[in-house]
Protein backbone atom coordinates (compact mmCIF):
# COMPACT_ATOMS: atom_id res chain seq x y z
CA MET A 1 16.56 -17.13 -17.42
CA ARG A 2 15.30 -19.29 -20.33
CA PRO A 3 11.63 -20.07 -19.46
CA THR A 4 10.67 -23.73 -19.46
CA PRO A 5 7.26 -24.94 -20.32
CA ALA A 6 6.54 -25.56 -16.69
CA LEU A 7 7.57 -21.97 -15.74
CA LEU A 8 5.54 -20.49 -18.49
CA ALA A 9 2.62 -22.46 -17.24
CA HIS A 10 3.09 -21.05 -13.77
CA ALA A 11 3.19 -17.48 -15.34
CA GLN A 12 0.03 -18.11 -17.17
CA THR A 13 -1.76 -19.65 -14.09
CA ALA A 14 -0.60 -16.81 -11.90
CA LEU A 15 -1.78 -14.21 -14.45
CA ALA A 16 -5.18 -15.68 -14.82
CA GLU A 17 -5.50 -15.33 -11.01
CA LEU A 18 -4.43 -11.66 -11.11
CA LEU A 19 -6.70 -10.87 -14.03
CA ARG A 20 -9.63 -11.74 -11.86
CA PHE A 21 -8.88 -8.46 -9.93
CA ALA A 22 -10.47 -10.02 -6.77
CA ARG A 23 -7.70 -8.35 -4.74
CA PRO A 24 -4.51 -6.23 -5.18
CA ALA A 25 -2.09 -7.82 -7.57
CA ASP A 26 0.75 -8.04 -5.17
CA GLN A 27 -1.46 -9.82 -2.57
CA ALA A 28 -2.67 -12.30 -5.14
CA LEU A 29 0.79 -13.04 -6.27
CA SER A 30 2.01 -13.62 -2.74
CA ALA A 31 -0.77 -16.02 -2.19
CA TYR A 32 0.15 -17.91 -5.40
CA PHE A 33 3.75 -18.15 -4.21
CA ARG A 34 2.67 -19.43 -0.74
CA ALA A 35 0.68 -22.12 -2.59
CA HIS A 36 3.77 -23.11 -4.65
CA ARG A 37 6.55 -23.05 -2.30
CA ALA A 38 8.87 -25.25 -4.50
CA LEU A 39 9.33 -22.28 -6.86
CA GLY A 40 12.84 -20.85 -6.44
CA GLN A 41 13.91 -17.20 -6.12
CA GLN A 42 14.75 -16.82 -9.77
CA GLU A 43 11.57 -18.60 -10.93
CA ARG A 44 9.49 -16.21 -8.67
CA ALA A 45 11.20 -13.25 -10.02
CA PHE A 46 10.52 -14.37 -13.58
CA ILE A 47 6.81 -14.95 -12.86
CA ALA A 48 6.39 -11.57 -11.07
CA GLU A 49 8.26 -9.51 -13.70
CA THR A 50 6.27 -11.28 -16.43
CA VAL A 51 2.77 -10.81 -15.05
CA PHE A 52 3.44 -7.30 -13.96
CA ALA A 53 4.54 -6.41 -17.54
CA VAL A 54 1.29 -7.83 -18.75
CA LEU A 55 -0.69 -5.71 -16.19
CA ARG A 56 1.07 -2.61 -17.29
CA ARG A 57 0.66 -3.04 -20.98
CA LYS A 58 -2.47 -5.36 -21.18
CA ARG A 59 -4.29 -3.39 -23.85
CA SER A 60 -1.38 -3.12 -26.34
CA LEU A 61 -0.24 -6.69 -25.80
CA ALA A 62 -3.80 -8.03 -26.42
CA ALA A 63 -3.90 -5.89 -29.60
CA ALA A 64 -0.58 -7.36 -30.74
CA ALA A 65 -1.43 -10.94 -29.91
CA GLY A 66 -5.02 -10.65 -31.20
CA SER A 67 -6.19 -12.22 -27.97
CA ALA A 68 -6.59 -11.45 -24.23
CA ALA A 69 -6.01 -15.06 -23.07
CA PRO A 70 -3.46 -15.33 -20.24
CA ARG A 71 -1.19 -17.62 -22.28
CA ASP A 72 -1.21 -15.26 -25.27
CA LEU A 73 -0.60 -12.19 -23.10
CA VAL A 74 2.41 -13.90 -21.35
CA ILE A 75 3.98 -14.76 -24.74
CA ALA A 76 3.27 -11.17 -25.99
CA ALA A 77 4.94 -9.71 -22.89
CA LEU A 78 8.01 -11.97 -23.29
CA VAL A 79 8.40 -11.04 -26.93
CA ARG A 80 7.71 -7.28 -26.87
CA VAL A 81 8.72 -6.22 -23.38
CA PHE A 82 11.64 -8.68 -22.77
CA GLY A 83 12.75 -9.37 -26.32
CA LEU A 84 12.64 -13.14 -26.14
CA SER A 85 12.76 -15.05 -29.45
CA GLY A 86 10.41 -17.80 -30.65
CA ARG A 87 13.27 -20.25 -30.13
CA ALA A 88 13.77 -19.38 -26.56
CA LEU A 89 10.03 -19.63 -25.97
CA GLU A 90 9.47 -22.83 -27.99
CA GLN A 91 5.92 -21.63 -28.50
CA ASP A 92 3.52 -21.19 -31.34
CA ALA A 93 5.49 -19.75 -34.20
CA ASP A 94 2.40 -17.85 -35.75
CA LEU A 95 1.72 -16.09 -32.41
CA VAL A 96 5.28 -15.00 -31.91
CA THR A 97 5.38 -13.68 -35.47
CA ARG A 98 2.07 -11.88 -35.02
CA VAL A 99 3.17 -10.23 -31.86
CA LYS A 100 6.61 -9.28 -33.26
CA THR A 101 5.16 -7.71 -36.46
CA ALA A 102 2.01 -6.05 -35.08
CA PRO A 103 2.13 -2.29 -35.83
CA ALA A 104 1.82 0.05 -32.80
CA ARG A 105 1.00 3.29 -34.65
CA ASP A 106 -2.31 2.15 -36.09
CA LEU A 107 -3.76 1.40 -32.57
CA PRO A 108 -6.17 3.77 -30.84
CA GLU A 109 -4.50 6.24 -28.49
CA ALA A 110 -5.97 4.79 -25.34
CA VAL A 111 -4.61 1.27 -26.40
CA ARG A 112 -1.22 2.74 -27.08
CA ALA A 113 -1.28 4.38 -23.72
CA ASP A 114 -2.39 1.09 -22.09
CA LEU A 115 -5.19 2.81 -20.27
CA PRO A 116 -8.99 2.24 -19.94
CA ASP A 117 -10.86 4.53 -22.44
CA TRP A 118 -12.48 6.52 -19.68
CA LEU A 119 -9.16 7.22 -17.85
CA TRP A 120 -7.50 8.21 -21.14
CA GLU A 121 -10.35 10.60 -21.94
CA ARG A 122 -9.99 12.15 -18.44
CA LEU A 123 -6.28 12.72 -18.79
CA VAL A 124 -6.84 14.22 -22.39
CA ALA A 125 -9.44 16.50 -20.99
CA ALA A 126 -7.09 17.68 -18.23
CA CYS A 127 -3.76 17.94 -20.10
CA GLY A 128 -4.23 17.45 -23.81
CA ALA A 129 -3.41 14.43 -25.80
CA GLN A 130 0.27 14.94 -26.19
CA GLU A 131 0.86 15.38 -22.41
CA ALA A 132 -1.62 12.62 -21.65
CA GLN A 133 0.50 10.24 -23.73
CA ALA A 134 3.69 11.31 -22.04
CA ILE A 135 2.10 10.81 -18.68
CA ALA A 136 0.79 7.41 -19.68
CA GLN A 137 4.24 6.33 -21.01
CA GLY A 138 5.81 7.48 -17.86
CA LEU A 139 3.55 5.28 -15.73
CA LEU A 140 4.42 2.16 -17.79
CA GLY A 141 7.95 1.70 -16.52
CA ALA A 142 8.95 0.09 -13.18
CA ALA A 143 9.46 2.47 -10.35
CA PRO A 144 12.96 2.90 -8.80
CA LEU A 145 13.81 2.03 -5.23
CA ASP A 146 13.91 5.38 -3.16
CA LEU A 147 15.19 5.56 0.42
CA ARG A 148 14.73 8.25 3.09
CA VAL A 149 17.72 8.70 5.23
CA ASN A 150 16.86 9.23 8.94
CA LEU A 151 18.78 12.45 9.25
CA ALA A 152 18.44 12.20 13.03
CA LYS A 153 20.83 9.21 12.85
CA LEU A 154 23.26 10.11 10.06
CA SER A 155 23.81 12.44 7.13
CA ARG A 156 22.72 11.53 3.55
CA GLU A 157 26.48 11.71 2.64
CA ALA A 158 27.34 9.19 5.10
CA ALA A 159 24.55 6.87 3.95
CA LEU A 160 25.67 7.24 0.35
CA ALA A 161 29.18 6.24 1.24
CA ARG A 162 27.96 3.10 3.02
CA LEU A 163 25.51 2.14 0.27
CA GLY A 164 28.22 2.31 -2.42
CA PRO A 165 28.08 3.00 -6.23
CA GLN A 166 24.52 1.71 -6.55
CA ALA A 167 23.22 4.64 -4.65
CA ALA A 168 22.70 8.33 -5.77
CA PRO A 169 21.11 11.40 -4.17
CA THR A 170 17.52 12.11 -5.25
CA PRO A 171 17.25 15.38 -7.12
CA HIS A 172 14.69 17.18 -4.87
CA SER A 173 14.39 15.55 -1.38
CA PRO A 174 17.25 16.50 0.88
CA ALA A 175 16.95 13.11 2.63
CA GLY A 176 16.50 10.97 -0.49
CA ILE A 177 18.58 8.26 -2.08
CA ARG A 178 17.71 6.36 -5.34
CA LEU A 179 19.21 2.81 -5.70
CA LYS A 180 19.96 1.05 -8.97
CA GLY A 181 18.48 -2.43 -9.40
CA LYS A 182 16.50 -4.21 -6.68
CA PRO A 183 18.87 -4.80 -3.83
CA GLN A 184 17.42 -6.50 -0.72
CA ILE A 185 17.60 -3.31 1.33
CA ASN A 186 15.66 -4.76 4.21
CA ARG A 187 18.71 -6.95 5.07
CA HIS A 188 21.18 -3.97 5.00
CA ALA A 189 22.57 -2.86 8.24
CA LEU A 190 21.39 0.79 7.59
CA PHE A 191 17.76 -0.46 7.25
CA LEU A 192 17.97 -2.75 10.33
CA ASP A 193 19.41 0.19 12.41
CA GLY A 194 16.61 2.51 11.33
CA ALA A 195 19.04 4.80 9.45
CA VAL A 196 17.07 4.48 6.21
CA GLU A 197 13.40 3.71 5.21
CA VAL A 198 11.91 2.82 1.88
CA GLN A 199 9.98 5.81 0.68
CA ASP A 200 9.28 7.34 -2.74
CA GLU A 201 10.86 10.81 -3.17
CA GLY A 202 7.46 12.34 -3.83
CA SER A 203 6.08 11.08 -0.61
CA GLN A 204 9.24 12.54 1.23
CA LEU A 205 8.55 15.97 -0.20
CA LEU A 206 5.08 15.94 1.48
CA ALA A 207 6.86 16.17 4.94
CA TYR A 208 8.93 19.11 3.80
CA LEU A 209 5.75 20.79 2.56
CA LEU A 210 4.12 20.51 5.85
CA ALA A 211 7.50 21.53 7.54
CA PRO A 212 6.74 20.80 11.19
CA ARG A 213 8.90 22.61 13.80
CA ARG A 214 10.45 21.38 17.02
CA GLY A 215 7.90 21.22 19.85
CA GLU A 216 4.77 21.43 17.65
CA MET A 217 1.65 19.33 17.80
CA VAL A 218 1.12 17.57 14.42
CA ALA A 219 -1.28 14.97 12.90
CA ASP A 220 -0.75 12.52 10.02
CA PHE A 221 -4.53 12.05 9.47
CA CYS A 222 -4.41 9.13 7.11
CA ALA A 223 -1.08 7.53 8.49
CA GLY A 224 -1.37 4.00 7.03
CA ALA A 225 1.70 2.20 8.04
CA GLY A 226 3.41 5.46 9.03
CA GLY A 227 6.12 6.26 6.45
CA LYS A 228 5.20 10.03 6.35
CA THR A 229 4.64 10.00 10.09
CA LEU A 230 8.33 8.92 10.59
CA ALA A 231 9.44 11.65 8.10
CA LEU A 232 7.53 14.19 10.07
CA ALA A 233 9.00 12.99 13.38
CA MET A 234 12.52 13.19 11.92
CA LEU A 235 12.01 16.82 10.94
CA MET A 236 10.86 17.54 14.49
CA HIS A 237 14.01 16.08 15.90
CA GLY A 238 12.15 13.96 18.38
CA SER A 239 10.42 16.82 20.07
CA GLY A 240 6.62 17.79 20.22
CA ARG A 241 4.07 15.19 19.32
CA VAL A 242 2.99 13.42 16.20
CA TYR A 243 -0.39 11.83 16.10
CA ALA A 244 -0.67 9.02 13.57
CA MET A 245 -4.33 8.58 12.79
CA ASP A 246 -5.91 5.89 10.68
CA VAL A 247 -9.09 3.88 10.48
CA SER A 248 -7.02 0.70 9.99
CA GLN A 249 -5.62 -0.80 13.25
CA LYS A 250 -3.80 -3.34 11.08
CA ARG A 251 -1.84 -0.74 9.08
CA LEU A 252 -1.03 1.27 12.18
CA ARG A 253 0.29 -1.72 14.01
CA GLU A 254 3.21 -1.64 11.46
CA LEU A 255 4.24 1.74 12.78
CA ALA A 256 5.43 0.78 16.29
CA PRO A 257 8.38 -1.41 15.17
CA ARG A 258 9.37 1.06 12.45
CA ALA A 259 9.43 3.90 15.05
CA ALA A 260 11.39 1.82 17.51
CA ARG A 261 13.93 0.93 14.76
CA ALA A 262 14.23 4.60 13.92
CA GLY A 263 14.77 5.64 17.58
CA ILE A 264 11.49 7.77 17.46
CA SER A 265 9.45 8.17 20.73
CA ASN A 266 7.22 11.20 19.93
CA VAL A 267 4.72 9.32 17.80
CA HIS A 268 1.29 8.49 19.14
CA PRO A 269 -0.86 6.21 17.11
CA ILE A 270 -4.72 6.76 17.21
CA VAL A 271 -7.07 4.22 15.61
CA LEU A 272 -10.10 6.19 14.37
CA ALA A 273 -13.64 4.95 14.10
CA GLY A 274 -14.20 7.47 11.46
CA GLU A 275 -13.85 11.09 10.44
CA GLY A 276 -16.01 12.25 13.39
CA ASP A 277 -14.13 10.14 15.99
CA VAL A 278 -14.44 11.60 19.54
CA ARG A 279 -10.67 11.71 19.91
CA VAL A 280 -10.54 13.97 16.89
CA LYS A 281 -13.03 16.35 18.40
CA ARG A 282 -10.99 16.53 21.64
CA LEU A 283 -7.93 17.79 19.66
CA ALA A 284 -10.04 20.36 17.68
CA GLY A 285 -8.20 23.70 17.33
CA LYS A 286 -5.15 22.44 19.06
CA LEU A 287 -2.74 21.34 16.44
CA ASP A 288 -0.06 23.25 14.61
CA ARG A 289 0.24 21.30 11.42
CA VAL A 290 -2.04 18.47 9.78
CA LEU A 291 -1.17 16.29 6.90
CA VAL A 292 -4.06 14.63 4.93
CA ASP A 293 -2.67 12.09 2.50
CA ALA A 294 -6.14 10.93 1.58
CA PRO A 295 -7.24 7.53 0.32
CA CYS A 296 -7.42 7.70 -3.49
CA SER A 297 -7.41 5.86 -6.69
CA GLY A 298 -3.66 5.49 -6.61
CA PHE A 299 -3.27 6.20 -10.31
CA GLY A 300 -0.04 8.01 -9.60
CA THR A 301 1.56 4.73 -8.40
CA LEU A 302 0.72 2.71 -11.59
CA ARG A 303 4.43 1.85 -12.03
CA ARG A 304 4.13 -0.03 -8.67
CA ASN A 305 0.46 -1.03 -8.87
CA PRO A 306 -0.51 -1.38 -12.52
CA ASP A 307 -3.72 -3.31 -11.63
CA LEU A 308 -5.30 -0.26 -10.21
CA LYS A 309 -6.15 1.09 -13.64
CA TRP A 310 -8.15 -2.01 -14.51
CA ARG A 311 -9.69 -2.29 -10.90
CA HIS A 312 -10.85 1.29 -10.43
CA GLY A 313 -13.59 2.88 -12.61
CA PRO A 314 -15.15 6.34 -12.79
CA THR A 315 -17.85 5.44 -10.25
CA ALA A 316 -15.07 4.50 -7.71
CA VAL A 317 -13.36 7.81 -8.40
CA ALA A 318 -16.49 9.77 -7.71
CA GLU A 319 -17.02 7.97 -4.44
CA LEU A 320 -13.39 8.56 -3.47
CA ALA A 321 -13.63 12.35 -4.19
CA ALA A 322 -16.66 12.62 -1.91
CA LYS A 323 -14.84 10.71 0.78
CA GLN A 324 -11.70 12.91 0.40
CA ALA A 325 -13.78 15.99 0.93
CA ARG A 326 -15.25 14.66 4.11
CA ILE A 327 -11.80 13.58 5.42
CA LEU A 328 -10.36 17.00 4.54
CA ASN A 329 -13.25 18.91 6.35
CA ALA A 330 -12.75 16.69 9.44
CA ALA A 331 -9.00 17.09 9.57
CA ALA A 332 -9.23 20.79 9.26
CA LYS A 333 -10.97 21.17 12.49
CA LEU A 334 -7.85 20.01 14.29
CA LEU A 335 -5.92 23.17 13.39
CA LYS A 336 -5.45 26.25 15.59
CA PRO A 337 -5.24 29.72 13.99
CA GLY A 338 -1.93 30.01 12.11
CA GLY A 339 -1.84 26.40 11.55
CA ARG A 340 -0.88 24.64 8.27
CA LEU A 341 -3.03 22.00 6.49
CA VAL A 342 -1.65 20.08 3.63
CA TYR A 343 -4.03 17.97 1.37
CA ALA A 344 -2.37 15.34 -0.78
CA THR A 345 -3.13 12.32 -3.05
CA CYS A 346 -1.13 9.84 -5.18
CA SER A 347 -3.69 10.37 -7.98
CA ILE A 348 -3.30 12.11 -11.26
CA LEU A 349 -6.96 13.11 -11.74
CA PRO A 350 -8.24 16.60 -11.09
CA ASP A 351 -11.53 15.00 -9.69
CA GLU A 352 -9.44 13.94 -6.66
CA ASN A 353 -7.03 16.73 -6.55
CA GLU A 354 -7.82 20.33 -7.74
CA ALA A 355 -11.46 19.90 -7.47
CA VAL A 356 -11.34 18.70 -3.83
CA ALA A 357 -8.84 21.44 -2.94
CA GLU A 358 -10.86 24.16 -4.61
CA GLY A 359 -14.08 22.85 -3.10
CA PHE A 360 -12.59 22.94 0.39
CA ALA A 361 -11.22 26.43 -0.24
CA ALA A 362 -14.60 27.71 -1.33
CA ALA A 363 -16.38 26.21 1.67
CA HIS A 364 -13.84 27.34 4.27
CA PRO A 365 -12.84 31.04 3.81
CA GLU A 366 -11.04 30.77 7.15
CA PHE A 367 -8.36 28.79 5.32
CA GLN A 368 -5.95 30.82 3.06
CA PRO A 369 -4.35 28.84 0.18
CA LEU A 370 -0.64 28.86 0.17
CA SER A 371 1.92 28.56 -2.67
CA CYS A 372 3.50 25.15 -2.60
CA ALA A 373 6.43 26.49 -4.62
CA GLU A 374 7.06 29.12 -1.92
CA LEU A 375 6.80 26.56 0.84
CA LEU A 376 9.31 24.23 -0.73
CA ALA A 377 11.66 27.23 -1.62
CA ALA A 378 11.63 28.06 2.11
CA GLN A 379 12.93 24.59 2.68
CA ARG A 380 15.68 25.16 0.11
CA ILE A 381 14.03 22.77 -2.34
CA PRO A 382 13.80 24.41 -5.78
CA LEU A 383 11.04 22.70 -7.70
CA ALA A 384 9.23 23.88 -10.91
CA THR A 385 5.65 23.95 -9.45
CA ASP A 386 3.14 26.55 -8.53
CA LYS A 387 0.20 27.08 -6.19
CA TYR A 388 -0.17 23.28 -6.13
CA LEU A 389 2.51 20.61 -6.12
CA ARG A 390 2.34 18.25 -8.97
CA LEU A 391 4.76 15.38 -9.47
CA TRP A 392 4.90 13.15 -12.40
CA PRO A 393 7.09 9.99 -13.19
CA HIS A 394 8.10 11.39 -16.67
CA ARG A 395 9.11 14.74 -15.29
CA HIS A 396 10.40 14.22 -11.77
CA GLY A 397 11.01 10.39 -11.60
CA THR A 398 8.69 10.13 -8.66
CA ASP A 399 5.23 8.53 -8.28
CA GLY A 400 2.50 10.87 -9.34
CA PHE A 401 1.52 13.21 -6.46
CA PHE A 402 -0.60 16.14 -5.91
CA ALA A 403 -0.60 18.50 -2.92
CA ALA A 404 -2.43 21.78 -1.86
CA ALA A 405 -1.50 23.71 1.23
CA PHE A 406 -3.66 26.01 3.48
CA GLU A 407 -3.09 28.20 6.44
CA ARG A 408 -5.90 28.83 9.05
CA ARG A 409 -6.42 32.53 9.30
């Protein structure tokens, strides 16, 4: 749509609020829309796409505009990202010309990558400059809409037939479907019936890595709203028991209606007071499988949450890594001999990934590292990985994920 001066003003005001980074961007934008209920659906979509484009490319847009003012960033995004002309914008001709003609090749690498300097340096140290730039570019696009088919209710083929030409099977997850565009899937009959759930393909693969069996006792130790919990329960065909554990009662509360919609009755939510909760101690040594999708920086989800790279700094990452180690140690106590433990994050930093996994392995010789490639191959999921599972937007089309697997001797 052609932006009016009033709509541009809304985008600039909303962006100014988001750039305060007082709360997650999606929450701040939802609050803005609640405060401006007269905005129509198309107007809201324009504002949302514009401000999120700025959050993704804030450094390079500011460099092109020669300014980090919200108004100038909005204009720069509309010109450089969406290709609008000065006539369409009816804005300062000098600013539009400057944005259009600003060279990209002369910018520092971190600016071209649209990353903070410290994050760029960490990526270069871990992967090299060329691969770091490829990772950064892969994180700049918008994420696709992935679904997980509830295979206990219908086959993926049947779901694809009902979703039509906008749907295609994901390349790795046997239960995954990727949709074109942004359809309102939460109004589709398949969603309302619990036959599909929104879940990134990378997240789906974590359930296949844990590979719970019928009749087992399993824990999703950082369950959140329960997306992976439901995937685990599906693989167990409704038998056994899945403990959905989390410190957030609010997040766990979302699980009950989702489980009911999916027809799942073997999920048992447990709100934890912390890693050393007495209910965890009661289950020590009794569980067959435990998934720890630990709280992390979320840098693997920058396509969906681009504000995270501006909200989290190196101090926060160090604090998260210490927290992840504590959570992993606590969760490991739940496993019986022969049990499988999977540690995962949606981070791209070794500090939160390999360093935590290797620190755990060194401190716990009773846990034997397993090959993620072999575990996925056993599930008939061929994936070019190795001891650890690493997923990247630019290589796999998923969010950035890391996983390490262990077996208690």
